[in-house]
Amino acid sequence: MRLQRAQALAGQGDLAGALAVLEQAPPGERVGVQSLQVELLKALERFDEALAIRRAQVEAAPKSVAARHNLAALLGDMGRNTEAVEAAHQAFANGGDAPETWLVLARALSGCARLDEAEAAYRHAVERRPNYGEAVRELAQLIWMRGGDVEAAKAPVLKALATAPGDGDLLTCLALVLMYGGGAAREAWSELTQRAQAGDARSATVELAAGQLALTFDPALAVGHARRATELAPQTIEPWISLAEALVALGDADGAFEILDQLSGAPVVHQKVLALHATASRVKGRTDALGLDDLDGLVSAQTIDTPPGWGDLAAYLADLKAALLAQHAYQNHPLGQSLRHGTQTPVDLTLVDDPVIRAFFTAVDGPIRRHLARLGQGEDPVRVRNSGSYRLKGCWSVRLAPGGFHEHHIHPKGWYSSACYIDVPPVVEAGGREGWLALGQPPFPTSPPLEPLRYEKPEPGKLVLFPSCLWHGTVPFSGDQPRLSVAFDIVPA
């Protein structure tokens, strides 16, 4: 009964209330509620308390495979990858051999940049469960990011599909490899839909993937895929967002508003709902009723502070450049993200124990707080959440190669997002906006066409802050020098 009550509260979004119910359990019930308790603590980012529970479980049952696996998984979630590797090996020493443990080990080895061992561990996971979607996708991504070509990245996916041709996760994974490996969207759509039909797949995830591919070349086709996704998964939000997006691309802004206005009633509105609301308003030729077209008020560009220990900002940026480049372990961009022709750091930079990187968070703290003070309170979906304080929600670095860019996108898990430039190529000064940040342009064609609402020129030490619901991308740039930046999301504290 206690578990059911906590699960009901968690389902309503009251994670703290659910956790309080479990913490009131008498000693005889505590073991039975600890799994959910740990999950709630993780969701609330109270990782140290979760870790204390997992360590106590290992101490109580040192020969338990499950206890060692659970400890390894949590350590990996916390970015403590060296410890996660050790805990996973201890699970194997206790007799474990589950594909889930091999996946935990593979992720931790990747985080340690032990890439040969990581690839081997992913393959062990897939050998033990050939249609293990998560492991197959991450193996394909690792092969690709290490410099493999599309055929090499496809190979484990096609092998898995041979045993499960209608598996939605595997089919979606294949679409990701095809699209982010440089293939044309129409060709990727064709292969995905043909395989889905042959495998008799009835999957909302496949329909969503097919719809995203179709969005750029046939919005009406994208609408059809999104409608089928809503039929297959009517209680989840993603299909409805996808349908609204396709309707905007088709030019049916009124139809999109019927969906978006309902989705806008949530206590915390999905960032893509906000982005699409602003885009539909522009298609209709009117100001956004939610106030999300107020770029002058919502966006700021500042120079970061010089952190203690450095005489000037140029000296700090030089040291930061070297520290960041040491974190770039791959040769290709990740799958399923906005980055094209460049690399991204694989580990959340907030978890990296490097004094130069840690100093970055001191350098940006002042500009963030000054921005929030200037932003103020308001009734719009951005200002209404402003408490004047914040916490970080992930941080990473991107090294764009010449010819590289970011597709226009939003950050669904953030409230405010950022671009902080560390080292920029000379071409940004050439007058053609090459390598510049573009704000407000959707990632799909519209009628009438919508151009960016604002551009920001990259400059070393410049921090641009903008709502996570604001479309943003990068103008491709030429030349022979890369562009290095740091990005992070924040949420209200």
Protein backbone atom coordinates (compact mmCIF):
# COMPACT_ATOMS: atom_id res chain seq x y z
CA MET A 1 0.00 0.00 0.00
CA ARG A 2 2.86 2.37 0.80
CA LEU A 3 4.48 1.65 -2.57
CA GLN A 4 1.18 2.14 -4.40
CA ARG A 5 0.59 5.48 -2.71
CA ALA A 6 4.13 6.65 -3.53
CA GLN A 7 3.80 5.51 -7.14
CA ALA A 8 0.51 7.38 -7.48
CA LEU A 9 2.08 10.59 -6.17
CA ALA A 10 5.09 10.18 -8.46
CA GLY A 11 2.75 9.65 -11.40
CA GLN A 12 1.14 13.00 -10.57
CA GLY A 13 4.55 14.67 -10.57
CA ASP A 14 4.84 14.99 -6.78
CA LEU A 15 8.23 13.34 -6.43
CA ALA A 16 9.02 14.92 -3.07
CA GLY A 17 5.68 13.77 -1.68
CA ALA A 18 6.23 10.27 -2.98
CA LEU A 19 9.65 10.17 -1.37
CA ALA A 20 8.25 11.39 1.95
CA VAL A 21 5.78 8.48 1.97
CA LEU A 22 8.61 5.98 1.52
CA GLU A 23 10.84 7.62 4.12
CA GLN A 24 8.10 7.10 6.71
CA ALA A 25 8.28 3.33 6.25
CA PRO A 26 8.98 1.41 9.49
CA PRO A 27 12.25 -0.58 9.65
CA GLY A 28 10.59 -3.82 8.57
CA GLU A 29 9.35 -2.26 5.30
CA ARG A 30 12.42 -0.26 4.27
CA VAL A 31 14.10 -2.93 2.18
CA GLY A 32 10.96 -3.36 0.11
CA VAL A 33 10.69 0.32 -0.80
CA GLN A 34 14.36 1.09 -1.45
CA SER A 35 14.30 0.54 -5.22
CA LEU A 36 11.63 3.18 -5.73
CA GLN A 37 13.26 5.38 -3.10
CA VAL A 38 16.53 5.38 -5.04
CA GLU A 39 14.76 6.19 -8.30
CA LEU A 40 13.00 9.14 -6.68
CA LEU A 41 16.22 10.42 -5.14
CA LYS A 42 17.89 10.23 -8.55
CA ALA A 43 15.00 12.10 -10.17
CA LEU A 44 15.35 14.79 -7.50
CA GLU A 45 19.14 14.81 -8.11
CA ARG A 46 19.83 13.83 -4.51
CA PHE A 47 22.50 11.42 -5.66
CA ASP A 48 24.54 11.25 -2.46
CA GLU A 49 21.53 9.96 -0.51
CA ALA A 50 20.82 7.40 -3.22
CA LEU A 51 24.45 6.32 -3.15
CA ALA A 52 24.32 5.80 0.61
CA ILE A 53 21.43 3.36 0.13
CA ARG A 54 23.21 1.46 -2.64
CA ARG A 55 26.42 1.17 -0.59
CA ALA A 56 24.46 -0.06 2.42
CA GLN A 57 22.86 -2.73 0.23
CA VAL A 58 26.29 -3.93 -0.87
CA GLU A 59 27.52 -4.02 2.72
CA ALA A 60 24.47 -6.03 3.75
CA ALA A 61 24.91 -8.52 0.89
CA PRO A 62 28.49 -8.35 -0.44
CA LYS A 63 28.00 -11.43 -2.65
CA SER A 64 24.81 -10.10 -4.25
CA VAL A 65 25.08 -9.62 -8.01
CA ALA A 66 22.08 -7.29 -8.03
CA ALA A 67 23.51 -5.07 -5.28
CA ARG A 68 26.84 -4.69 -7.12
CA HIS A 69 25.06 -4.02 -10.42
CA ASN A 70 22.82 -1.38 -8.87
CA LEU A 71 25.81 0.32 -7.28
CA ALA A 72 27.68 0.33 -10.60
CA ALA A 73 24.66 1.79 -12.42
CA LEU A 74 24.25 4.61 -9.92
CA LEU A 75 27.96 5.45 -9.91
CA GLY A 76 27.76 5.66 -13.70
CA ASP A 77 24.77 8.00 -13.47
CA MET A 78 26.85 10.19 -11.17
CA GLY A 79 29.77 10.32 -13.58
CA ARG A 80 32.00 8.36 -11.20
CA ASN A 81 33.02 6.09 -14.01
CA THR A 82 36.20 4.58 -12.58
CA GLU A 83 34.26 3.40 -9.52
CA ALA A 84 31.44 2.19 -11.76
CA VAL A 85 33.86 0.01 -13.73
CA GLU A 86 35.15 -1.53 -10.51
CA ALA A 87 31.63 -2.20 -9.17
CA ALA A 88 30.57 -3.81 -12.46
CA HIS A 89 33.59 -6.09 -12.41
CA GLN A 90 32.69 -7.06 -8.85
CA ALA A 91 29.21 -8.00 -10.06
CA PHE A 92 30.80 -10.28 -12.64
CA ALA A 93 33.12 -11.73 -10.01
CA ASN A 94 30.03 -12.61 -7.95
CA GLY A 95 28.67 -14.61 -10.88
CA GLY A 96 26.78 -11.94 -12.81
CA ASP A 97 26.62 -12.00 -16.60
CA ALA A 98 23.46 -10.00 -17.40
CA PRO A 99 23.39 -7.83 -20.53
CA GLU A 100 22.30 -4.92 -18.34
CA THR A 101 25.55 -5.14 -16.37
CA TRP A 102 27.59 -5.28 -19.56
CA LEU A 103 25.78 -2.14 -20.70
CA VAL A 104 26.56 -0.38 -17.41
CA LEU A 105 30.21 -1.39 -17.79
CA ALA A 106 30.33 -0.23 -21.43
CA ARG A 107 29.00 3.21 -20.52
CA ALA A 108 31.46 3.59 -17.66
CA LEU A 109 34.38 2.54 -19.86
CA SER A 110 33.26 5.08 -22.47
CA GLY A 111 33.25 7.73 -19.75
CA CYS A 112 36.83 6.75 -18.90
CA ALA A 113 37.80 7.02 -22.62
CA ARG A 114 38.71 3.32 -22.62
CA LEU A 115 37.04 2.97 -25.97
CA ASP A 116 38.31 -0.42 -27.16
CA GLU A 117 37.14 -1.99 -23.90
CA ALA A 118 33.84 -0.11 -24.11
CA GLU A 119 33.14 -1.42 -27.60
CA ALA A 120 33.91 -4.96 -26.46
CA ALA A 121 31.54 -4.59 -23.49
CA TYR A 122 28.74 -3.33 -25.74
CA ARG A 123 29.25 -6.35 -27.97
CA HIS A 124 29.05 -8.65 -24.93
CA ALA A 125 25.71 -7.04 -24.02
CA VAL A 126 24.34 -7.55 -27.52
CA GLU A 127 25.60 -11.14 -27.68
CA ARG A 128 23.59 -11.91 -24.57
CA ARG A 129 20.46 -10.15 -25.87
CA PRO A 130 20.56 -9.65 -29.65
CA ASN A 131 17.60 -7.24 -29.74
CA TYR A 132 18.79 -5.11 -26.79
CA GLY A 133 17.83 -1.74 -28.27
CA GLU A 134 19.78 0.52 -25.91
CA ALA A 135 22.99 -1.47 -26.27
CA VAL A 136 22.67 -1.73 -30.05
CA ARG A 137 22.09 2.00 -30.42
CA GLU A 138 25.00 2.95 -28.18
CA LEU A 139 27.30 0.45 -29.91
CA ALA A 140 26.38 1.91 -33.31
CA GLN A 141 26.97 5.42 -31.98
CA LEU A 142 30.34 4.48 -30.50
CA ILE A 143 31.47 2.95 -33.80
CA TRP A 144 30.35 6.10 -35.63
CA MET A 145 31.83 8.62 -33.19
CA ARG A 146 35.17 6.78 -33.18
CA GLY A 147 35.42 7.46 -36.92
CA GLY A 148 33.65 4.49 -38.45
CA ASP A 149 31.62 5.01 -41.61
CA VAL A 150 27.88 4.59 -41.96
CA GLU A 151 28.16 0.97 -43.06
CA ALA A 152 30.19 0.08 -39.96
CA ALA A 153 27.71 1.86 -37.70
CA LYS A 154 24.75 0.16 -39.39
CA ALA A 155 26.23 -3.32 -39.06
CA PRO A 156 25.18 -4.09 -35.45
CA VAL A 157 21.73 -2.63 -36.08
CA LEU A 158 21.14 -4.74 -39.18
CA LYS A 159 22.39 -7.83 -37.34
CA ALA A 160 19.91 -7.20 -34.54
CA LEU A 161 17.07 -6.52 -36.97
CA ALA A 162 17.70 -9.90 -38.60
CA THR A 163 16.50 -11.51 -35.36
CA ALA A 164 13.72 -8.96 -34.61
CA PRO A 165 12.67 -7.25 -37.88
CA GLY A 166 9.64 -5.53 -36.34
CA ASP A 167 11.35 -4.15 -33.24
CA GLY A 168 10.48 -0.46 -32.95
CA ASP A 169 13.59 0.58 -31.03
CA LEU A 170 15.90 -1.12 -33.54
CA LEU A 171 14.08 0.36 -36.52
CA THR A 172 14.30 3.82 -34.97
CA CYS A 173 17.99 3.25 -34.31
CA LEU A 174 18.55 2.41 -37.98
CA ALA A 175 16.81 5.64 -38.98
CA LEU A 176 19.13 7.60 -36.67
CA VAL A 177 22.25 6.05 -38.17
CA LEU A 178 21.05 6.71 -41.70
CA MET A 179 20.02 10.30 -41.10
CA TYR A 180 22.85 11.44 -38.84
CA GLY A 181 25.40 9.57 -40.91
CA GLY A 182 24.76 12.04 -43.70
CA GLY A 183 22.04 10.31 -45.68
CA ALA A 184 19.13 12.10 -47.32
CA ALA A 185 15.98 12.29 -45.21
CA ARG A 186 13.79 10.84 -47.98
CA GLU A 187 16.07 7.82 -48.42
CA ALA A 188 16.20 7.19 -44.67
CA TRP A 189 12.39 7.48 -44.51
CA SER A 190 12.00 5.02 -47.37
CA GLU A 191 14.23 2.39 -45.77
CA LEU A 192 12.61 2.83 -42.37
CA THR A 193 9.04 2.55 -43.61
CA GLN A 194 9.78 -0.39 -45.91
CA ARG A 195 11.42 -2.32 -43.10
CA ALA A 196 8.61 -1.42 -40.69
CA GLN A 197 6.03 -2.71 -43.16
CA ALA A 198 7.99 -5.91 -43.82
CA GLY A 199 8.41 -6.49 -40.08
CA ASP A 200 4.76 -5.69 -39.36
CA ALA A 201 5.85 -3.08 -36.82
CA ARG A 202 3.13 -1.20 -34.97
CA SER A 203 5.15 1.25 -32.94
CA ALA A 204 4.62 4.87 -31.98
CA THR A 205 8.39 5.40 -31.89
CA VAL A 206 8.71 4.24 -35.50
CA GLU A 207 5.87 6.53 -36.58
CA LEU A 208 7.51 9.44 -34.76
CA ALA A 209 10.87 8.74 -36.39
CA ALA A 210 9.27 8.44 -39.83
CA GLY A 211 7.38 11.67 -39.24
CA GLN A 212 10.51 13.56 -38.28
CA LEU A 213 12.24 12.35 -41.44
CA ALA A 214 9.24 13.32 -43.61
CA LEU A 215 8.93 16.76 -42.03
CA THR A 216 11.61 18.28 -44.24
CA PHE A 217 10.33 16.97 -47.59
CA ASP A 218 6.58 16.21 -47.20
CA PRO A 219 4.75 17.78 -44.23
CA ALA A 220 1.47 16.08 -45.20
CA LEU A 221 3.21 12.72 -44.92
CA ALA A 222 4.58 13.79 -41.53
CA VAL A 223 1.04 14.62 -40.37
CA GLY A 224 -0.08 11.09 -41.27
CA HIS A 225 2.74 9.50 -39.29
CA ALA A 226 2.05 11.73 -36.29
CA ARG A 227 -1.66 10.90 -36.34
CA ARG A 228 -0.86 7.19 -36.30
CA ALA A 229 1.52 7.77 -33.38
CA THR A 230 -1.28 9.46 -31.42
CA GLU A 231 -3.49 6.44 -32.08
CA LEU A 232 -0.80 4.02 -30.88
CA ALA A 233 0.20 6.06 -27.80
CA PRO A 234 -2.65 8.50 -27.06
CA GLN A 235 -1.68 9.07 -23.42
CA THR A 236 1.88 10.25 -24.10
CA ILE A 237 2.76 13.82 -25.02
CA GLU A 238 5.37 13.26 -27.75
CA PRO A 239 2.97 12.14 -30.50
CA TRP A 240 0.74 15.17 -29.92
CA ILE A 241 3.73 17.51 -30.04
CA SER A 242 4.86 15.81 -33.25
CA LEU A 243 1.40 16.26 -34.76
CA ALA A 244 1.35 19.96 -33.86
CA GLU A 245 4.81 20.37 -35.38
CA ALA A 246 3.76 18.69 -38.62
CA LEU A 247 0.62 20.85 -38.83
CA VAL A 248 2.72 24.01 -38.45
CA ALA A 249 5.02 22.80 -41.23
CA LEU A 250 1.99 22.03 -43.39
CA GLY A 251 0.69 25.56 -42.87
CA ASP A 252 -2.24 24.58 -40.64
CA ALA A 253 -1.37 26.86 -37.72
CA ASP A 254 -4.97 26.84 -36.47
CA GLY A 255 -4.95 23.05 -36.26
CA ALA A 256 -1.65 23.20 -34.40
CA PHE A 257 -3.04 25.77 -31.94
CA GLU A 258 -5.90 23.40 -31.04
CA ILE A 259 -3.30 20.95 -29.74
CA LEU A 260 -0.79 23.44 -28.37
CA ASP A 261 -3.35 25.38 -26.35
CA GLN A 262 -4.31 22.17 -24.54
CA LEU A 263 -0.70 21.17 -23.93
CA SER A 264 0.11 24.68 -22.66
CA GLY A 265 -2.05 24.05 -19.59
CA ALA A 266 0.56 21.85 -17.87
CA PRO A 267 2.20 23.23 -14.68
CA VAL A 268 5.57 23.21 -16.48
CA VAL A 269 5.02 23.36 -20.22
CA HIS A 270 7.18 21.24 -22.53
CA GLN A 271 9.78 23.45 -24.17
CA LYS A 272 8.89 22.27 -27.68
CA VAL A 273 5.24 23.20 -27.10
CA LEU A 274 6.41 26.74 -26.40
CA ALA A 275 8.68 26.77 -29.45
CA LEU A 276 5.88 25.60 -31.72
CA HIS A 277 3.42 28.11 -30.25
CA ALA A 278 5.78 30.96 -31.13
CA THR A 279 6.39 29.50 -34.60
CA ALA A 280 2.68 29.03 -35.33
CA SER A 281 2.11 32.65 -34.30
CA ARG A 282 4.75 33.82 -36.78
CA VAL A 283 3.17 31.71 -39.54
CA LYS A 284 -0.12 33.47 -38.79
CA GLY A 285 1.64 36.83 -38.95
CA ARG A 286 0.86 37.85 -35.38
CA THR A 287 2.71 38.32 -32.13
CA ASP A 288 2.97 35.33 -29.84
CA ALA A 289 0.26 35.38 -27.16
CA LEU A 290 2.74 33.73 -24.76
CA GLY A 291 5.28 36.51 -25.24
CA LEU A 292 8.03 34.25 -26.54
CA ASP A 293 8.94 36.56 -29.43
CA ASP A 294 10.34 39.17 -27.02
CA LEU A 295 13.95 38.40 -27.89
CA ASP A 296 15.26 41.73 -26.62
CA GLY A 297 13.91 40.96 -23.17
CA LEU A 298 14.56 37.21 -23.08
CA VAL A 299 18.03 36.99 -24.64
CA SER A 300 21.28 38.47 -23.37
CA ALA A 301 24.93 38.47 -24.46
CA GLN A 302 27.66 39.19 -21.91
CA THR A 303 31.35 38.58 -21.36
CA ILE A 304 32.10 35.99 -18.70
CA ASP A 305 34.04 36.99 -15.59
CA THR A 306 37.71 36.21 -15.12
CA PRO A 307 37.78 33.50 -12.42
CA PRO A 308 40.14 33.76 -9.43
CA GLY A 309 43.62 32.50 -10.19
CA TRP A 310 44.01 34.11 -13.61
CA GLY A 311 45.32 37.58 -14.35
CA ASP A 312 43.01 38.24 -17.28
CA LEU A 313 40.30 36.56 -19.32
CA ALA A 314 42.56 35.80 -22.30
CA ALA A 315 44.87 33.75 -20.08
CA TYR A 316 41.96 31.83 -18.64
CA LEU A 317 40.43 31.12 -22.05
CA ALA A 318 43.77 29.75 -23.28
CA ASP A 319 43.92 27.33 -20.35
CA LEU A 320 40.25 26.43 -20.76
CA LYS A 321 40.76 25.68 -24.45
CA ALA A 322 43.50 23.17 -23.62
CA ALA A 323 41.43 21.57 -20.85
CA LEU A 324 38.38 21.21 -23.07
CA LEU A 325 40.25 19.77 -26.04
CA ALA A 326 41.60 17.07 -23.72
CA GLN A 327 37.99 16.01 -23.08
CA HIS A 328 37.14 15.55 -26.77
CA ALA A 329 37.68 11.81 -27.24
CA TYR A 330 35.83 11.22 -30.53
CA GLN A 331 36.09 12.01 -34.23
CA ASN A 332 32.43 12.30 -35.29
CA HIS A 333 29.29 13.94 -33.94
CA PRO A 334 26.82 11.93 -31.81
CA LEU A 335 23.64 10.46 -33.26
CA GLY A 336 20.28 12.10 -32.70
CA GLN A 337 21.53 15.56 -31.75
CA SER A 338 21.84 18.88 -33.53
CA LEU A 339 25.61 18.81 -34.09
CA ARG A 340 26.98 18.13 -37.57
CA HIS A 341 30.66 17.79 -38.54
CA GLY A 342 32.31 18.13 -35.17
CA THR A 343 32.68 16.46 -31.80
CA GLN A 344 31.04 16.76 -28.39
CA THR A 345 32.48 15.87 -25.01
CA PRO A 346 31.01 12.56 -23.80
CA VAL A 347 30.90 13.36 -20.07
CA ASP A 348 28.91 16.11 -18.35
CA LEU A 349 31.54 18.79 -17.64
CA THR A 350 30.01 19.46 -14.22
CA LEU A 351 31.36 16.03 -13.24
CA VAL A 352 34.91 16.56 -14.54
CA ASP A 353 37.52 16.99 -11.82
CA ASP A 354 39.70 19.60 -13.51
CA PRO A 355 40.33 22.94 -11.76
CA VAL A 356 40.30 24.86 -15.05
CA ILE A 357 36.93 23.43 -16.05
CA ARG A 358 35.52 23.89 -12.54
CA ALA A 359 36.56 27.55 -12.71
CA PHE A 360 34.27 27.97 -15.73
CA PHE A 361 31.23 27.67 -13.49
CA THR A 362 32.56 30.51 -11.36
CA ALA A 363 33.18 32.57 -14.48
CA VAL A 364 29.59 32.23 -15.72
CA ASP A 365 27.84 32.53 -12.35
CA GLY A 366 27.89 36.34 -12.30
CA PRO A 367 26.58 36.76 -15.86
CA ILE A 368 23.80 34.22 -15.22
CA ARG A 369 22.65 35.97 -12.05
CA ARG A 370 22.82 39.38 -13.72
CA HIS A 371 20.68 38.06 -16.55
CA LEU A 372 18.07 36.62 -14.19
CA ALA A 373 17.93 39.91 -12.30
CA ARG A 374 17.39 41.81 -15.55
CA LEU A 375 14.82 39.27 -16.73
CA GLY A 376 12.59 39.83 -13.73
CA GLN A 377 9.21 38.27 -13.04
CA GLY A 378 6.29 38.06 -15.41
CA GLU A 379 3.32 36.04 -16.59
CA ASP A 380 4.96 34.52 -19.66
CA PRO A 381 6.14 30.87 -19.42
CA VAL A 382 9.79 31.92 -19.06
CA ARG A 383 9.61 34.75 -16.52
CA VAL A 384 6.97 33.01 -14.40
CA ARG A 385 9.60 30.42 -13.42
CA ASN A 386 12.28 32.96 -12.51
CA SER A 387 13.25 32.58 -8.86
CA GLY A 388 16.42 34.65 -9.25
CA SER A 389 18.49 31.54 -8.63
CA TYR A 390 19.40 28.53 -10.74
CA ARG A 391 21.08 25.16 -10.90
CA LEU A 392 22.93 23.59 -13.79
CA LYS A 393 21.25 20.85 -15.81
CA GLY A 394 24.14 19.48 -17.86
CA CYS A 395 27.18 21.04 -19.51
CA TRP A 396 29.20 19.99 -22.56
CA SER A 397 31.70 21.31 -25.07
CA VAL A 398 31.42 21.29 -28.86
CA ARG A 399 34.29 21.49 -31.31
CA LEU A 400 32.87 22.34 -34.74
CA ALA A 401 35.07 21.48 -37.71
CA PRO A 402 35.12 23.75 -40.77
CA GLY A 403 31.86 23.10 -42.60
CA GLY A 404 30.22 22.23 -39.30
CA PHE A 405 27.02 23.61 -37.82
CA HIS A 406 24.16 22.96 -35.45
CA GLU A 407 20.75 22.25 -36.91
CA HIS A 408 18.04 24.48 -35.45
CA HIS A 409 16.75 22.87 -32.26
CA ILE A 410 15.57 23.47 -28.69
CA HIS A 411 16.62 21.95 -25.35
CA PRO A 412 13.63 20.07 -23.86
CA LYS A 413 15.18 19.54 -20.41
CA GLY A 414 16.29 23.12 -19.81
CA TRP A 415 14.71 26.43 -18.84
CA TYR A 416 17.56 28.63 -20.09
CA SER A 417 20.28 27.47 -22.45
CA SER A 418 23.57 28.97 -23.51
CA ALA A 419 26.42 29.27 -25.95
CA CYS A 420 29.78 30.36 -24.57
CA TYR A 421 32.56 30.84 -27.10
CA ILE A 422 36.10 29.86 -26.18
CA ASP A 423 37.97 29.94 -29.49
CA VAL A 424 36.52 31.14 -32.80
CA PRO A 425 37.82 31.03 -36.39
CA PRO A 426 38.71 34.26 -38.23
CA VAL A 427 35.89 33.70 -40.74
CA VAL A 428 33.30 34.89 -38.19
CA GLU A 429 34.62 38.42 -38.90
CA ALA A 430 34.28 38.10 -42.68
CA GLY A 431 30.86 39.73 -42.91
CA GLY A 432 28.79 36.76 -43.99
CA ARG A 433 27.70 35.57 -40.52
CA GLU A 434 29.59 32.31 -40.98
CA GLY A 435 29.72 30.42 -37.68
CA TRP A 436 27.24 32.81 -36.05
CA LEU A 437 24.46 31.76 -33.71
CA ALA A 438 21.00 32.07 -35.30
CA LEU A 439 17.97 32.42 -33.00
CA GLY A 440 14.30 31.86 -33.77
CA GLN A 441 14.35 29.90 -37.04
CA PRO A 442 12.45 26.56 -36.97
CA PRO A 443 14.18 23.39 -38.23
CA PHE A 444 11.52 22.66 -40.83
CA PRO A 445 10.30 24.64 -43.86
CA THR A 446 7.23 26.82 -43.36
CA SER A 447 4.93 28.88 -45.53
CA PRO A 448 5.77 31.71 -45.46
CA PRO A 449 9.47 30.96 -44.86
CA LEU A 450 10.71 32.10 -41.45
CA GLU A 451 14.19 33.55 -41.08
CA PRO A 452 16.14 33.89 -37.80
CA LEU A 453 14.89 36.67 -35.54
CA ARG A 454 18.37 37.47 -34.28
CA TYR A 455 22.03 36.60 -34.88
CA GLU A 456 24.89 36.64 -32.39
CA LYS A 457 28.50 36.86 -33.53
CA PRO A 458 30.83 34.46 -31.65
CA GLU A 459 33.59 36.18 -29.70
CA PRO A 460 36.04 34.60 -27.22
CA GLY A 461 34.55 34.82 -23.74
CA LYS A 462 31.06 35.78 -24.95
CA LEU A 463 28.14 34.06 -23.23
CA VAL A 464 24.72 34.13 -24.89
CA LEU A 465 21.75 33.14 -22.71
CA PHE A 466 18.37 32.35 -24.27
CA PRO A 467 15.22 30.43 -23.31
CA SER A 468 15.54 26.69 -23.92
CA CYS A 469 12.31 26.86 -25.96
CA LEU A 470 13.89 29.23 -28.51
CA TRP A 471 14.99 27.59 -31.76
CA HIS A 472 18.72 28.04 -32.20
CA GLY A 473 21.33 26.80 -34.65
CA THR A 474 24.64 27.71 -36.24
CA VAL A 475 25.38 29.13 -39.67
CA PRO A 476 27.88 26.77 -41.39
CA PHE A 477 31.36 28.21 -41.74
CA SER A 478 34.26 27.75 -44.12
CA GLY A 479 38.01 28.06 -43.69
CA ASP A 480 40.45 25.71 -42.03
CA GLN A 481 40.08 26.48 -38.32
CA PRO A 482 37.55 24.95 -35.86
CA ARG A 483 35.23 26.68 -33.42
CA LEU A 484 35.26 25.69 -29.74
CA SER A 485 32.39 26.44 -27.38
CA VAL A 486 30.78 25.36 -24.13
CA ALA A 487 27.03 24.98 -23.67
CA PHE A 488 24.91 24.31 -20.63
CA ASP A 489 21.30 24.33 -19.51
CA ILE A 490 19.96 25.76 -16.28
CA VAL A 491 16.68 25.34 -14.42
CA PRO A 492 15.25 27.43 -11.57
CA ALA A 493 16.57 26.55 -8.13
